[in-house]
Amino acid sequence: MYPVIRPDFADQSRAVWCSPDRFKAWLELAAADAPKVPSGSASCANPVDKVVELGRSLRVTGTPTLFFANGERAGGGMPVGQLRMKLDELARQPATKKN
């Protein structure tokens, strides 16, 4: 979970992490017709601040953002056919060695 769109999403992400059933809490928040923010504390140990910091360092300003093995990135949604073509193209490229 990368709460980039609105600052209050960070608290919602923390609440999911601190829920007894994270999977259920995430589904109820992100995939339900009527989103339900988890109740309870959002003060447990969680990685949300580190995730936000990493995203900022990578200049991720929206989701989804895809990073490919060749260093290219794609921001925003990508149709599955286009993604498949991109992955096939990258699979055909020779591997490069890093020193």
Protein backbone atom coordinates (compact mmCIF):
# COMPACT_ATOMS: atom_id res chain seq x y z
CA MET A 1 0.00 0.00 0.00
CA TYR A 2 1.45 3.32 -1.11
CA PRO A 3 -0.68 6.20 0.21
CA VAL A 4 0.31 8.82 -2.34
CA ILE A 5 -2.95 10.41 -3.43
CA ARG A 6 -4.13 12.02 -0.18
CA PRO A 7 -2.28 12.44 3.13
CA ASP A 8 -5.15 10.85 5.10
CA PHE A 9 -4.56 7.62 3.16
CA ALA A 10 -1.39 7.12 5.25
CA ASP A 11 -3.51 6.81 8.39
CA GLN A 12 -5.83 4.41 6.60
CA SER A 13 -2.84 2.32 5.51
CA ARG A 14 -1.54 2.25 9.08
CA ALA A 15 -4.99 1.17 10.30
CA VAL A 16 -4.94 -1.73 7.83
CA TRP A 17 -1.48 -2.78 9.03
CA CYS A 18 -2.63 -2.65 12.64
CA SER A 19 -5.82 -4.65 12.03
CA PRO A 20 -6.02 -8.19 13.40
CA ASP A 21 -6.94 -9.41 9.88
CA ARG A 22 -4.96 -7.23 7.44
CA PHE A 23 -6.28 -9.03 4.38
CA LYS A 24 -9.89 -8.47 5.35
CA ALA A 25 -9.21 -4.86 6.36
CA TRP A 26 -7.52 -4.14 3.03
CA LEU A 27 -10.33 -5.71 1.04
CA GLU A 28 -12.95 -3.76 2.96
CA LEU A 29 -11.04 -0.52 2.37
CA ALA A 30 -9.75 -0.91 -1.17
CA ALA A 31 -12.01 -3.38 -2.95
CA ALA A 32 -15.47 -2.93 -1.45
CA ASP A 33 -18.28 -1.04 -3.16
CA ALA A 34 -18.56 1.09 -0.01
CA PRO A 35 -15.03 1.48 1.42
CA LYS A 36 -14.76 0.88 5.16
CA VAL A 37 -11.81 2.40 7.01
CA PRO A 38 -10.60 0.01 9.71
CA SER A 39 -11.46 1.05 13.21
CA GLY A 40 -8.95 0.84 16.00
CA SER A 41 -5.44 2.04 16.56
CA ALA A 42 -3.07 2.88 13.75
CA SER A 43 -0.06 3.05 16.05
CA CYS A 44 1.42 -0.44 15.77
CA ALA A 45 4.81 -1.05 14.15
CA ASN A 46 4.23 -0.70 10.41
CA PRO A 47 6.22 0.08 7.23
CA VAL A 48 4.00 2.89 5.90
CA ASP A 49 6.47 5.76 6.50
CA LYS A 50 9.31 3.76 4.95
CA VAL A 51 7.16 2.94 1.92
CA VAL A 52 6.27 6.62 1.48
CA GLU A 53 9.94 7.61 1.82
CA LEU A 54 11.00 5.02 -0.77
CA GLY A 55 8.26 6.11 -3.16
CA ARG A 56 9.33 9.73 -2.89
CA SER A 57 12.97 8.83 -3.46
CA LEU A 58 11.93 6.99 -6.65
CA ARG A 59 9.72 9.94 -7.68
CA VAL A 60 6.57 7.81 -7.66
CA THR A 61 3.68 10.26 -7.78
CA GLY A 62 0.82 7.90 -8.57
CA THR A 63 -0.29 4.33 -8.63
CA PRO A 64 0.20 2.13 -10.35
CA THR A 65 3.80 2.82 -11.32
CA LEU A 66 5.70 0.00 -12.99
CA PHE A 67 9.50 -0.33 -13.07
CA PHE A 68 10.91 -2.64 -15.72
CA ALA A 69 14.19 -4.58 -15.58
CA ASN A 70 15.80 -2.23 -18.11
CA GLY A 71 15.16 0.80 -15.89
CA GLU A 72 12.15 2.13 -17.78
CA ARG A 73 9.12 3.11 -15.82
CA ALA A 74 5.48 3.48 -16.69
CA GLY A 75 3.13 5.58 -14.62
CA GLY A 76 -0.57 4.93 -14.63
CA GLY A 77 -2.55 2.00 -15.85
CA MET A 78 -1.47 -0.05 -18.82
CA PRO A 79 -3.75 -2.35 -20.80
CA VAL A 80 -2.84 -5.99 -20.25
CA GLY A 81 -2.02 -6.51 -23.95
CA GLN A 82 0.40 -3.58 -23.94
CA LEU A 83 2.01 -4.81 -20.73
CA ARG A 84 2.38 -8.30 -22.18
CA MET A 85 4.04 -6.87 -25.33
CA LYS A 86 6.44 -4.80 -23.19
CA LEU A 87 7.40 -7.80 -21.06
CA ASP A 88 7.88 -9.97 -24.16
CA GLU A 89 10.06 -7.25 -25.72
CA LEU A 90 12.21 -7.05 -22.59
CA ALA A 91 12.50 -10.86 -22.42
CA ARG A 92 13.97 -10.88 -25.94
CA GLN A 93 16.68 -8.34 -25.07
CA PRO A 94 20.08 -9.75 -24.12
CA ALA A 95 20.94 -9.60 -20.45
CA THR A 96 23.50 -6.99 -19.49
CA LYS A 97 26.14 -7.56 -16.87
CA LYS A 98 26.52 -5.09 -14.04
CA ASN A 99 29.97 -4.51 -12.56
